Amino acid sequence: MISKHSLLKSHSGKMVARGYDGTELTAGIVHIGLGAFHRAHQALYTHETIATTGEFHWGICAANIFGGQELVQELQAQDNAYTVTEMNPDGSRTVKLAAAIAQSLAVEDDRRPLLDIMSAETTRIVSLTITEKGYCLNPATGELMVDNALIAHDLENTRNPKTALGLIVAALGQRKAKGMLPFTVLSCGNVPDNGKRARAAVIQMAEAMDADWQPGFVKKWPSHAPWLTASYRP
């Protein structure tokens, strides 16, 4: 069985060894969209930061909400660790271990386990790489597409939503009910003004799901936890 330790051993001659005991990790970040982009960039940078600072509460719970079961199974079989190979200007290669993912999930059939983690007080950031379509906004008007089948589902199934927007709003509802502050939303997709889009989409989703409390809570976010944008250009 492949593990963090076996990955370190098998690549010991060519790997930049910045590992740590993965059992120390707890998830402070929930990431939605567990693909190659996240693993090669955000998760790697997070790993290197944890290895430098020793702040093990910034581990990642990474999830795919549509498909991706095979990838998650492969990651789980190797303790959620993997390697990243970087090409250097001189043609040489550097292999790095990435071990910041504390937990990986494929939740297409039932998103409630992910919702529970997002609602936990230990979760401080929810980051997204969900493509432009994942925000479910009309590209011409910027309005939430309430006639979208997935959005329509979430409006009727607030306790087990399918979309990233529905999950964020539902998690905020649970956090507010427990007297907890919101988490920070970190929009990392290669989408223009992705932070603004995320904010607009979540506020409109909150208004559509439950106008009694959620919009006011969400609109206060700039004073509690900022909307952050991280644009990556492959």
Protein backbone atom coordinates (compact mmCIF):
# COMPACT_ATOMS: atom_id res chain seq x y z
CA MET A 1 0.00 0.00 0.00
CA ILE A 2 1.29 3.46 -0.91
CA SER A 3 1.53 5.94 1.95
CA LYS A 4 3.14 9.28 2.73
CA HIS A 5 6.12 7.43 4.13
CA SER A 6 6.49 5.10 1.15
CA LEU A 7 6.27 8.05 -1.24
CA LEU A 8 9.08 9.75 0.61
CA LYS A 9 11.18 6.58 0.56
CA SER A 10 10.59 5.73 -3.11
CA HIS A 11 11.57 9.24 -4.22
CA SER A 12 14.23 9.88 -1.60
CA GLY A 13 16.98 10.35 -4.17
CA LYS A 14 15.24 13.04 -6.17
CA MET A 15 12.52 14.54 -3.96
CA VAL A 16 12.56 17.80 -2.08
CA ALA A 17 11.79 16.33 1.34
CA ARG A 18 9.50 18.77 3.10
CA GLY A 19 7.23 16.24 4.69
CA TYR A 20 5.56 15.94 8.07
CA ASP A 21 3.50 13.42 9.94
CA GLY A 22 0.07 13.59 8.33
CA THR A 23 -1.60 12.38 11.51
CA GLU A 24 -1.02 15.86 12.94
CA LEU A 25 -3.20 17.52 10.30
CA THR A 26 -6.68 18.86 10.93
CA ALA A 27 -8.80 20.44 8.23
CA GLY A 28 -9.09 24.21 8.43
CA ILE A 29 -9.75 24.52 4.69
CA VAL A 30 -12.52 22.90 2.69
CA HIS A 31 -11.84 22.85 -1.02
CA ILE A 32 -14.56 22.12 -3.58
CA GLY A 33 -13.17 20.95 -6.91
CA LEU A 34 -10.49 18.34 -6.31
CA GLY A 35 -8.73 18.26 -9.66
CA ALA A 36 -5.19 18.45 -11.01
CA PHE A 37 -5.19 22.25 -10.81
CA HIS A 38 -5.88 22.27 -7.08
CA ARG A 39 -3.39 19.50 -6.36
CA ALA A 40 -0.59 21.12 -8.38
CA HIS A 41 -1.05 24.63 -6.99
CA GLN A 42 -3.12 25.37 -3.88
CA ALA A 43 -2.60 22.05 -2.11
CA LEU A 44 1.14 22.10 -2.84
CA TYR A 45 1.56 25.68 -1.59
CA THR A 46 -0.47 24.83 1.49
CA HIS A 47 1.75 21.81 2.13
CA GLU A 48 4.91 23.91 1.87
CA THR A 49 3.46 26.55 4.19
CA ILE A 50 2.49 23.96 6.81
CA ALA A 51 5.91 22.33 6.55
CA THR A 52 7.54 25.72 7.18
CA THR A 53 5.26 27.04 9.92
CA GLY A 54 4.15 23.86 11.67
CA GLU A 55 0.57 25.14 11.70
CA PHE A 56 -1.14 21.78 11.25
CA HIS A 57 -4.65 23.17 11.63
CA TRP A 58 -4.52 24.35 7.99
CA GLY A 59 -4.97 20.92 6.46
CA ILE A 60 -7.39 20.53 3.57
CA CYS A 61 -10.59 18.56 3.23
CA ALA A 62 -10.85 18.33 -0.57
CA ALA A 63 -14.07 17.24 -2.20
CA ASN A 64 -15.57 16.54 -5.59
CA ILE A 65 -19.29 17.18 -5.64
CA PHE A 66 -19.76 15.93 -9.21
CA GLY A 67 -17.91 12.77 -10.22
CA GLY A 68 -14.28 12.21 -9.35
CA GLN A 69 -14.87 9.05 -7.31
CA GLU A 70 -11.95 7.20 -8.89
CA LEU A 71 -9.51 10.02 -8.14
CA VAL A 72 -10.65 10.19 -4.53
CA GLN A 73 -10.29 6.43 -4.14
CA GLU A 74 -6.75 6.60 -5.50
CA LEU A 75 -5.83 9.42 -3.13
CA GLN A 76 -7.36 7.67 -0.14
CA ALA A 77 -5.38 4.51 -0.96
CA GLN A 78 -2.16 6.50 -0.53
CA ASP A 79 -3.15 8.50 2.57
CA ASN A 80 -4.15 11.47 0.37
CA ALA A 81 -0.47 12.14 -0.43
CA TYR A 82 0.94 12.49 -3.94
CA THR A 83 3.91 13.96 -5.77
CA VAL A 84 4.23 16.99 -8.03
CA THR A 85 6.98 17.17 -10.66
CA GLU A 86 8.24 20.62 -11.59
CA MET A 87 10.16 21.35 -14.80
CA ASN A 88 13.11 23.68 -14.25
CA PRO A 89 14.54 26.14 -16.83
CA ASP A 90 17.65 23.97 -17.27
CA GLY A 91 15.52 20.95 -18.18
CA SER A 92 15.94 19.19 -14.86
CA ARG A 93 12.99 18.07 -12.77
CA THR A 94 12.16 18.53 -9.11
CA VAL A 95 9.78 16.08 -7.43
CA LYS A 96 7.87 17.35 -4.43
CA LEU A 97 5.69 15.57 -1.94
CA ALA A 98 2.29 17.16 -1.28
CA ALA A 99 0.62 15.99 1.91
CA ALA A 100 -1.64 18.86 2.96
CA ILE A 101 -4.86 17.03 2.08
CA ALA A 102 -6.06 15.57 5.35
CA GLN A 103 -9.27 14.15 3.90
CA SER A 104 -10.70 13.61 0.42
CA LEU A 105 -14.33 13.06 -0.41
CA ALA A 106 -16.51 12.21 -3.39
CA VAL A 107 -19.99 13.23 -2.37
CA GLU A 108 -22.09 13.25 -5.53
CA ASP A 109 -24.62 10.84 -4.02
CA ASP A 110 -24.82 12.46 -0.59
CA ARG A 111 -23.27 15.83 0.21
CA ARG A 112 -24.29 15.90 3.86
CA PRO A 113 -20.89 14.66 5.16
CA LEU A 114 -19.24 17.58 3.37
CA LEU A 115 -21.86 19.99 4.69
CA ASP A 116 -21.11 18.85 8.24
CA ILE A 117 -17.41 19.61 7.76
CA MET A 118 -18.13 23.02 6.24
CA SER A 119 -20.33 23.81 9.23
CA ALA A 120 -17.65 22.86 11.75
CA GLU A 121 -15.99 25.66 13.72
CA THR A 122 -12.56 24.39 12.66
CA THR A 123 -13.33 25.29 9.02
CA ARG A 124 -12.02 28.79 8.34
CA ILE A 125 -11.80 28.83 4.53
CA VAL A 126 -13.94 27.34 1.78
CA SER A 127 -12.03 27.54 -1.50
CA LEU A 128 -13.43 26.87 -4.95
CA THR A 129 -12.24 25.74 -8.36
CA ILE A 130 -15.62 25.12 -9.94
CA THR A 131 -15.41 26.83 -13.37
CA GLU A 132 -17.65 29.69 -14.45
CA LYS A 133 -20.68 27.41 -14.82
CA GLY A 134 -20.43 26.46 -11.16
CA TYR A 135 -21.56 29.94 -10.09
CA CYS A 136 -24.85 29.51 -11.98
CA LEU A 137 -25.03 33.17 -12.96
CA ASN A 138 -26.52 34.43 -16.19
CA PRO A 139 -23.48 35.68 -18.16
CA ALA A 140 -25.47 38.57 -19.62
CA THR A 141 -27.23 39.86 -16.49
CA GLY A 142 -25.21 38.46 -13.58
CA GLU A 143 -28.39 37.14 -12.03
CA LEU A 144 -28.73 33.72 -10.43
CA MET A 145 -30.29 31.24 -12.86
CA VAL A 146 -33.11 30.02 -10.64
CA ASP A 147 -34.44 27.95 -13.55
CA ASN A 148 -31.24 25.89 -13.55
CA ALA A 149 -32.13 22.31 -12.59
CA LEU A 150 -29.43 22.10 -9.91
CA ILE A 151 -30.40 25.43 -8.36
CA ALA A 152 -34.05 24.39 -8.42
CA HIS A 153 -33.09 21.19 -6.59
CA ASP A 154 -31.21 23.12 -3.91
CA LEU A 155 -34.12 25.46 -3.29
CA GLU A 156 -36.25 22.40 -2.51
CA ASN A 157 -33.55 20.41 -0.68
CA THR A 158 -31.72 22.85 1.57
CA ARG A 159 -30.39 20.11 3.86
CA ASN A 160 -28.70 18.18 1.05
CA PRO A 161 -27.91 20.69 -1.72
CA LYS A 162 -26.04 19.71 -4.88
CA THR A 163 -24.27 22.92 -5.88
CA ALA A 164 -21.32 24.66 -4.28
CA LEU A 165 -23.56 27.69 -3.77
CA GLY A 166 -26.20 25.64 -1.99
CA LEU A 167 -23.58 24.02 0.22
CA ILE A 168 -22.08 27.38 1.19
CA VAL A 169 -25.45 28.90 2.05
CA ALA A 170 -26.59 25.81 3.96
CA ALA A 171 -23.32 25.71 5.92
CA LEU A 172 -23.67 29.40 6.75
CA GLY A 173 -27.14 28.72 8.06
CA GLN A 174 -25.87 26.02 10.39
CA ARG A 175 -22.99 28.21 11.54
CA LYS A 176 -25.23 31.16 12.30
CA ALA A 177 -27.60 28.92 14.24
CA LYS A 178 -24.64 27.87 16.41
CA GLY A 179 -23.49 31.46 16.93
CA MET A 180 -20.40 30.97 14.76
CA LEU A 181 -18.81 33.47 12.36
CA PRO A 182 -18.81 32.81 8.60
CA PHE A 183 -15.84 31.23 6.89
CA THR A 184 -13.87 33.03 4.19
CA VAL A 185 -14.74 32.14 0.60
CA LEU A 186 -11.62 31.86 -1.57
CA SER A 187 -12.53 31.78 -5.25
CA CYS A 188 -9.61 30.29 -7.17
CA GLY A 189 -10.98 29.58 -10.63
CA ASN A 190 -9.59 31.20 -13.74
CA VAL A 191 -12.64 33.46 -14.05
CA PRO A 192 -12.61 37.27 -14.34
CA ASP A 193 -13.73 39.00 -11.12
CA ASN A 194 -14.23 35.61 -9.51
CA GLY A 195 -14.41 37.02 -5.99
CA LYS A 196 -17.20 39.41 -6.99
CA ARG A 197 -19.00 36.63 -8.83
CA ALA A 198 -18.81 34.33 -5.84
CA ARG A 199 -20.19 37.01 -3.55
CA ALA A 200 -23.03 37.89 -5.91
CA ALA A 201 -23.92 34.24 -6.46
CA VAL A 202 -23.97 33.33 -2.77
CA ILE A 203 -26.01 36.38 -1.77
CA GLN A 204 -28.59 35.70 -4.48
CA MET A 205 -28.70 32.03 -3.53
CA ALA A 206 -29.19 32.97 0.12
CA GLU A 207 -32.04 35.29 -0.80
CA ALA A 208 -33.68 32.56 -2.86
CA MET A 209 -33.27 29.88 -0.17
CA ASP A 210 -34.35 31.81 2.91
CA ALA A 211 -34.75 35.58 2.89
CA ASP A 212 -35.51 35.72 6.62
CA TRP A 213 -31.92 35.69 7.80
CA GLN A 214 -29.28 34.58 5.35
CA PRO A 215 -28.83 37.62 3.09
CA GLY A 216 -28.15 39.95 6.01
CA PHE A 217 -25.67 37.51 7.47
CA VAL A 218 -23.86 37.05 4.17
CA LYS A 219 -23.76 40.78 3.38
CA LYS A 220 -21.91 41.37 6.66
CA TRP A 221 -19.05 39.19 5.48
CA PRO A 222 -16.71 42.04 4.51
CA SER A 223 -16.54 43.01 8.22
CA HIS A 224 -15.99 39.43 9.38
CA ALA A 225 -14.34 37.34 6.71
CA PRO A 226 -13.35 38.87 3.38
CA TRP A 227 -14.13 37.63 -0.07
CA LEU A 228 -10.82 36.63 -1.53
CA THR A 229 -9.78 36.18 -5.12
CA ALA A 230 -6.89 34.09 -6.33
CA SER A 231 -6.60 34.03 -10.10
CA TYR A 232 -4.23 31.47 -11.58
CA ARG A 233 -3.14 31.59 -15.19
CA PRO A 234 -1.98 28.14 -16.40
